[in-house]
N, C-alpha and C. Protein backbone atom coordinates (compact mmCIF):
# COMPACT_ATOMS: atom_id res chain seq x y z
N MET A 1 121.70 152.58 161.80
CA MET A 1 122.48 151.62 161.06
C MET A 1 122.83 150.44 161.97
N ALA A 2 122.42 149.26 161.58
CA ALA A 2 122.65 148.07 162.40
C ALA A 2 124.00 147.43 162.05
N ASP A 3 124.46 146.57 162.95
CA ASP A 3 125.68 145.82 162.71
C ASP A 3 125.52 144.41 163.28
N TRP A 4 126.53 143.59 163.11
CA TRP A 4 126.43 142.18 163.54
C TRP A 4 126.32 142.06 165.06
N ALA A 5 126.93 142.96 165.80
CA ALA A 5 126.80 142.91 167.26
C ALA A 5 125.35 143.10 167.67
N GLU A 6 124.67 143.99 166.96
CA GLU A 6 123.25 144.23 167.24
C GLU A 6 122.40 143.00 166.89
N VAL A 7 122.69 142.39 165.75
CA VAL A 7 121.97 141.16 165.37
C VAL A 7 122.19 140.09 166.43
N ALA A 8 123.43 139.93 166.87
CA ALA A 8 123.75 138.92 167.89
C ALA A 8 123.02 139.20 169.19
N ARG A 9 122.96 140.47 169.58
CA ARG A 9 122.27 140.83 170.83
C ARG A 9 120.78 140.51 170.74
N ILE A 10 120.16 140.87 169.62
CA ILE A 10 118.72 140.65 169.46
C ILE A 10 118.41 139.16 169.36
N ALA A 11 119.11 138.47 168.46
CA ALA A 11 118.85 137.04 168.26
C ALA A 11 119.18 136.24 169.52
N GLY A 12 120.30 136.58 170.15
CA GLY A 12 120.71 135.86 171.35
C GLY A 12 119.79 136.07 172.54
N GLY A 13 118.99 137.11 172.49
CA GLY A 13 118.04 137.37 173.57
C GLY A 13 116.73 136.62 173.43
N LEU A 14 116.56 135.91 172.34
CA LEU A 14 115.32 135.15 172.14
C LEU A 14 115.49 133.73 172.68
N PRO A 15 114.44 133.17 173.26
CA PRO A 15 114.55 131.86 173.91
C PRO A 15 115.10 130.77 172.99
N GLU A 16 116.02 130.01 173.54
CA GLU A 16 116.60 128.83 172.90
C GLU A 16 117.24 129.12 171.55
N THR A 17 117.70 130.36 171.38
CA THR A 17 118.36 130.74 170.13
C THR A 17 119.86 130.77 170.37
N THR A 18 120.60 130.15 169.47
CA THR A 18 122.05 130.10 169.60
C THR A 18 122.70 130.47 168.27
N GLU A 19 123.90 130.97 168.38
CA GLU A 19 124.71 131.23 167.19
C GLU A 19 125.42 129.92 166.88
N THR A 20 124.95 129.23 165.86
CA THR A 20 125.46 127.88 165.57
C THR A 20 126.74 127.88 164.76
N SER A 21 127.00 128.95 164.07
CA SER A 21 128.27 129.19 163.39
C SER A 21 128.39 130.71 163.31
N PRO A 22 129.54 131.22 162.94
CA PRO A 22 129.64 132.68 162.93
C PRO A 22 128.53 133.33 162.09
N ARG A 23 127.80 134.21 162.74
CA ARG A 23 126.74 135.00 162.11
C ARG A 23 125.61 134.15 161.53
N THR A 24 125.29 133.06 162.23
CA THR A 24 124.14 132.21 161.88
C THR A 24 123.43 131.86 163.18
N TRP A 25 122.15 132.24 163.29
CA TRP A 25 121.39 131.99 164.51
C TRP A 25 120.23 131.06 164.22
N ARG A 26 120.03 130.11 165.12
CA ARG A 26 118.98 129.11 164.99
C ARG A 26 118.20 129.02 166.31
N VAL A 27 116.92 128.69 166.19
CA VAL A 27 116.13 128.33 167.36
C VAL A 27 116.01 126.81 167.27
N ARG A 28 116.55 126.17 168.27
CA ARG A 28 116.75 124.73 168.21
C ARG A 28 117.55 124.47 166.94
N LYS A 29 117.05 123.76 165.96
CA LYS A 29 117.85 123.50 164.75
C LYS A 29 117.37 124.30 163.55
N LYS A 30 116.39 125.16 163.74
CA LYS A 30 115.81 125.89 162.61
C LYS A 30 116.46 127.25 162.42
N LEU A 31 116.80 127.53 161.18
CA LEU A 31 117.46 128.77 160.81
C LEU A 31 116.54 129.96 161.01
N VAL A 32 117.06 131.00 161.67
CA VAL A 32 116.30 132.22 161.94
C VAL A 32 116.85 133.38 161.12
N VAL A 33 118.09 133.77 161.38
CA VAL A 33 118.77 134.83 160.63
C VAL A 33 120.22 134.40 160.42
N TRP A 34 120.84 134.93 159.34
CA TRP A 34 122.18 134.52 159.01
C TRP A 34 122.84 135.55 158.08
N GLU A 35 124.16 135.53 158.07
CA GLU A 35 124.89 136.35 157.12
C GLU A 35 124.75 135.69 155.75
N ARG A 36 124.45 136.49 154.74
CA ARG A 36 124.25 135.93 153.40
C ARG A 36 124.94 136.82 152.35
N PRO A 37 126.26 136.67 152.21
CA PRO A 37 126.94 137.45 151.18
C PRO A 37 126.36 137.11 149.80
N LEU A 38 126.40 138.08 148.92
CA LEU A 38 125.92 137.83 147.57
C LEU A 38 126.91 136.93 146.83
N ARG A 39 126.36 135.98 146.11
CA ARG A 39 127.17 135.09 145.28
C ARG A 39 127.26 135.68 143.88
N LYS A 40 128.14 135.13 143.08
CA LYS A 40 128.33 135.63 141.72
C LYS A 40 127.01 135.63 140.95
N ALA A 41 126.23 134.57 141.06
CA ALA A 41 124.94 134.50 140.36
C ALA A 41 123.97 135.56 140.86
N ASP A 42 124.02 135.87 142.16
CA ASP A 42 123.17 136.93 142.72
C ASP A 42 123.52 138.27 142.11
N VAL A 43 124.81 138.57 142.06
CA VAL A 43 125.28 139.85 141.51
C VAL A 43 124.89 139.96 140.04
N GLU A 44 125.05 138.87 139.30
CA GLU A 44 124.66 138.88 137.89
C GLU A 44 123.17 139.12 137.74
N ALA A 45 122.37 138.47 138.56
CA ALA A 45 120.91 138.63 138.47
C ALA A 45 120.46 140.03 138.86
N LEU A 46 121.10 140.62 139.86
CA LEU A 46 120.71 141.95 140.34
C LEU A 46 121.29 143.08 139.51
N GLY A 47 122.39 142.82 138.86
CA GLY A 47 123.02 143.84 138.04
C GLY A 47 123.41 145.06 138.85
N ASP A 48 123.08 146.25 138.33
CA ASP A 48 123.42 147.50 139.02
C ASP A 48 122.72 147.65 140.36
N ALA A 49 121.66 146.90 140.58
CA ALA A 49 120.92 146.98 141.85
C ALA A 49 121.58 146.15 142.96
N ALA A 50 122.64 145.41 142.63
CA ALA A 50 123.32 144.59 143.65
C ALA A 50 123.93 145.51 144.71
N PRO A 51 123.56 145.31 145.97
CA PRO A 51 124.08 146.18 147.02
C PRO A 51 125.50 145.82 147.43
N ASP A 52 126.18 146.81 147.95
CA ASP A 52 127.48 146.60 148.59
C ASP A 52 127.20 146.43 150.08
N GLY A 53 128.16 145.92 150.79
CA GLY A 53 128.03 145.86 152.25
C GLY A 53 127.48 144.54 152.75
N GLU A 54 127.25 144.52 154.05
CA GLU A 54 126.82 143.32 154.76
C GLU A 54 125.36 143.01 154.45
N ILE A 55 125.08 141.72 154.25
CA ILE A 55 123.72 141.26 153.93
C ILE A 55 123.28 140.26 154.99
N LEU A 56 122.10 140.49 155.53
CA LEU A 56 121.48 139.59 156.50
C LEU A 56 120.35 138.85 155.80
N GLY A 57 120.30 137.54 155.96
CA GLY A 57 119.16 136.75 155.52
C GLY A 57 118.25 136.53 156.70
N ALA A 58 116.94 136.55 156.46
CA ALA A 58 115.99 136.35 157.56
C ALA A 58 114.81 135.54 157.06
N ARG A 59 114.40 134.57 157.86
CA ARG A 59 113.19 133.83 157.55
C ARG A 59 111.99 134.74 157.79
N VAL A 60 110.97 134.54 157.00
CA VAL A 60 109.70 135.24 157.18
C VAL A 60 108.59 134.20 157.19
N ALA A 61 107.40 134.62 157.58
CA ALA A 61 106.29 133.67 157.72
C ALA A 61 105.92 133.02 156.38
N ASP A 62 105.94 133.82 155.31
CA ASP A 62 105.60 133.29 153.99
C ASP A 62 106.07 134.28 152.93
N GLU A 63 105.90 133.91 151.67
CA GLU A 63 106.36 134.80 150.60
C GLU A 63 105.56 136.09 150.53
N GLY A 64 104.33 136.09 150.99
CA GLY A 64 103.56 137.32 151.02
C GLY A 64 104.23 138.36 151.90
N VAL A 65 104.73 137.94 153.04
CA VAL A 65 105.45 138.84 153.94
C VAL A 65 106.72 139.34 153.25
N LYS A 66 107.45 138.43 152.62
CA LYS A 66 108.68 138.81 151.91
C LYS A 66 108.40 139.90 150.89
N PHE A 67 107.39 139.68 150.05
CA PHE A 67 107.10 140.65 148.99
C PHE A 67 106.56 141.96 149.54
N ALA A 68 105.84 141.91 150.65
CA ALA A 68 105.35 143.14 151.28
C ALA A 68 106.52 143.95 151.82
N LEU A 69 107.48 143.31 152.47
CA LEU A 69 108.65 144.02 152.99
C LEU A 69 109.43 144.68 151.85
N ILE A 70 109.63 143.93 150.77
CA ILE A 70 110.38 144.46 149.63
C ILE A 70 109.64 145.64 149.00
N ALA A 71 108.32 145.51 148.86
CA ALA A 71 107.53 146.59 148.26
C ALA A 71 107.53 147.84 149.14
N ASP A 72 107.44 147.65 150.45
CA ASP A 72 107.37 148.78 151.38
C ASP A 72 108.72 149.47 151.57
N ARG A 73 109.81 148.70 151.57
CA ARG A 73 111.13 149.27 151.87
C ARG A 73 112.20 148.70 150.95
N PRO A 74 112.13 148.99 149.64
CA PRO A 74 113.11 148.41 148.71
C PRO A 74 114.55 148.86 148.95
N ALA A 75 114.74 149.95 149.67
CA ALA A 75 116.09 150.38 150.00
C ALA A 75 116.70 149.52 151.11
N VAL A 76 115.86 148.76 151.81
CA VAL A 76 116.33 147.92 152.91
C VAL A 76 116.25 146.43 152.54
N PHE A 77 115.11 146.01 152.00
CA PHE A 77 114.84 144.60 151.75
C PHE A 77 114.91 144.28 150.26
N PHE A 78 115.39 143.07 149.94
CA PHE A 78 115.43 142.62 148.56
C PHE A 78 115.50 141.09 148.54
N THR A 79 115.52 140.53 147.35
CA THR A 79 115.65 139.09 147.20
C THR A 79 116.46 138.82 145.95
N THR A 80 116.78 137.57 145.74
CA THR A 80 117.47 137.12 144.53
C THR A 80 116.74 135.90 144.00
N PRO A 81 116.99 135.52 142.76
CA PRO A 81 116.34 134.32 142.22
C PRO A 81 116.60 133.06 143.06
N HIS A 82 117.73 133.02 143.75
CA HIS A 82 118.04 131.88 144.62
C HIS A 82 116.93 131.62 145.65
N PHE A 83 116.27 132.69 146.08
CA PHE A 83 115.25 132.57 147.12
C PHE A 83 113.83 132.53 146.57
N ASP A 84 113.66 132.40 145.25
CA ASP A 84 112.32 132.26 144.67
C ASP A 84 111.62 131.05 145.27
N GLY A 85 110.41 131.25 145.75
CA GLY A 85 109.63 130.16 146.34
C GLY A 85 110.02 129.84 147.77
N TYR A 86 110.88 130.64 148.37
CA TYR A 86 111.38 130.36 149.71
C TYR A 86 111.04 131.54 150.62
N PRO A 87 110.51 131.29 151.82
CA PRO A 87 110.10 132.38 152.71
C PRO A 87 111.27 133.02 153.46
N SER A 88 112.11 133.71 152.71
CA SER A 88 113.24 134.43 153.29
C SER A 88 113.42 135.74 152.55
N VAL A 89 113.94 136.72 153.26
CA VAL A 89 114.21 138.03 152.68
C VAL A 89 115.65 138.39 152.99
N LEU A 90 116.26 139.17 152.10
CA LEU A 90 117.61 139.68 152.32
C LEU A 90 117.53 141.14 152.75
N VAL A 91 118.48 141.53 153.60
CA VAL A 91 118.43 142.85 154.22
C VAL A 91 119.79 143.53 154.09
N ARG A 92 119.78 144.76 153.63
CA ARG A 92 120.99 145.58 153.64
C ARG A 92 121.19 146.01 155.10
N LEU A 93 122.13 145.38 155.77
CA LEU A 93 122.28 145.58 157.21
C LEU A 93 122.51 147.05 157.57
N ALA A 94 123.26 147.75 156.77
CA ALA A 94 123.55 149.16 157.07
C ALA A 94 122.34 150.06 156.88
N ALA A 95 121.30 149.55 156.21
CA ALA A 95 120.12 150.38 155.91
C ALA A 95 118.97 150.19 156.88
N ILE A 96 119.11 149.26 157.82
CA ILE A 96 118.00 148.98 158.74
C ILE A 96 118.32 149.57 160.12
N ASP A 97 117.31 150.13 160.77
CA ASP A 97 117.54 150.69 162.10
C ASP A 97 117.21 149.64 163.16
N THR A 98 117.58 149.94 164.39
CA THR A 98 117.44 148.97 165.47
C THR A 98 116.00 148.52 165.72
N PRO A 99 115.02 149.41 165.78
CA PRO A 99 113.65 148.93 166.01
C PRO A 99 113.15 148.00 164.89
N GLU A 100 113.45 148.35 163.66
CA GLU A 100 113.01 147.51 162.54
C GLU A 100 113.76 146.17 162.53
N LEU A 101 115.05 146.20 162.86
CA LEU A 101 115.83 144.96 162.96
C LEU A 101 115.28 144.07 164.07
N THR A 102 114.96 144.67 165.20
CA THR A 102 114.40 143.90 166.31
C THR A 102 113.10 143.22 165.90
N GLU A 103 112.25 143.95 165.22
CA GLU A 103 110.99 143.37 164.74
C GLU A 103 111.24 142.25 163.74
N LEU A 104 112.16 142.46 162.80
CA LEU A 104 112.46 141.45 161.79
C LEU A 104 112.99 140.17 162.42
N VAL A 105 113.97 140.29 163.31
CA VAL A 105 114.57 139.12 163.94
C VAL A 105 113.54 138.40 164.81
N THR A 106 112.74 139.14 165.54
CA THR A 106 111.71 138.53 166.38
C THR A 106 110.68 137.80 165.53
N GLU A 107 110.25 138.41 164.43
CA GLU A 107 109.30 137.76 163.54
C GLU A 107 109.90 136.51 162.89
N ALA A 108 111.18 136.57 162.56
CA ALA A 108 111.87 135.40 162.01
C ALA A 108 111.87 134.27 163.04
N TRP A 109 112.15 134.64 164.29
CA TRP A 109 112.14 133.65 165.37
C TRP A 109 110.74 133.05 165.53
N LEU A 110 109.72 133.91 165.53
CA LEU A 110 108.34 133.42 165.67
C LEU A 110 107.95 132.47 164.54
N ALA A 111 108.47 132.71 163.35
CA ALA A 111 108.17 131.86 162.20
C ALA A 111 108.84 130.49 162.32
N GLN A 112 109.93 130.41 163.07
CA GLN A 112 110.71 129.17 163.12
C GLN A 112 110.62 128.39 164.43
N ALA A 113 110.31 129.06 165.50
CA ALA A 113 110.29 128.40 166.81
C ALA A 113 109.11 127.42 166.92
N PRO A 114 109.29 126.38 167.71
CA PRO A 114 108.17 125.45 167.95
C PRO A 114 106.99 126.18 168.59
N ARG A 115 105.80 125.72 168.31
CA ARG A 115 104.58 126.39 168.79
C ARG A 115 104.55 126.55 170.31
N THR A 116 104.97 125.55 171.04
CA THR A 116 104.93 125.65 172.50
C THR A 116 105.88 126.74 173.00
N LEU A 117 107.03 126.88 172.34
CA LEU A 117 107.98 127.91 172.72
C LEU A 117 107.43 129.30 172.36
N VAL A 118 106.81 129.42 171.20
CA VAL A 118 106.19 130.69 170.79
C VAL A 118 105.09 131.08 171.78
N LYS A 119 104.26 130.12 172.14
CA LYS A 119 103.16 130.39 173.07
C LYS A 119 103.69 130.90 174.40
N ALA A 120 104.72 130.25 174.92
CA ALA A 120 105.32 130.68 176.19
C ALA A 120 105.94 132.06 176.06
N PHE A 121 106.63 132.33 174.95
CA PHE A 121 107.26 133.62 174.72
C PHE A 121 106.22 134.73 174.67
N LEU A 122 105.15 134.51 173.93
CA LEU A 122 104.11 135.52 173.80
C LEU A 122 103.37 135.74 175.12
N ALA A 123 103.21 134.70 175.92
CA ALA A 123 102.56 134.83 177.21
C ALA A 123 103.40 135.65 178.18
N ASP A 124 104.72 135.54 178.07
CA ASP A 124 105.63 136.29 178.94
C ASP A 124 105.76 137.74 178.51
N GLY A 125 105.51 138.01 177.22
CA GLY A 125 105.75 139.34 176.64
C GLY A 125 104.80 140.35 177.11
């Protein structure tokens, strides 16, 4: 079960990533992961499937990745109509383990970081 301290540790360990506001991490100025509480419209759209608890938003490479994550792990990943057409996925923070969270945050960073920074990061890895 992950928590915000774990998100902060993982995101903060990636090059040039900062917490720009509480529970919002960016690489340079691009959004990587963030707290995304459900809004009234989200709850209405999800109905009984609307989760309780902390929700993490994460950028993904494209919508194909988003839909694959949701299909593979619907107990962890989901979306709302607000994110239709947008390469982001929502995560039930309490349902994701540390290795999967690390992979998600790193992939979000890779999707948003400038190419030169990604190249240097991958070369060091």
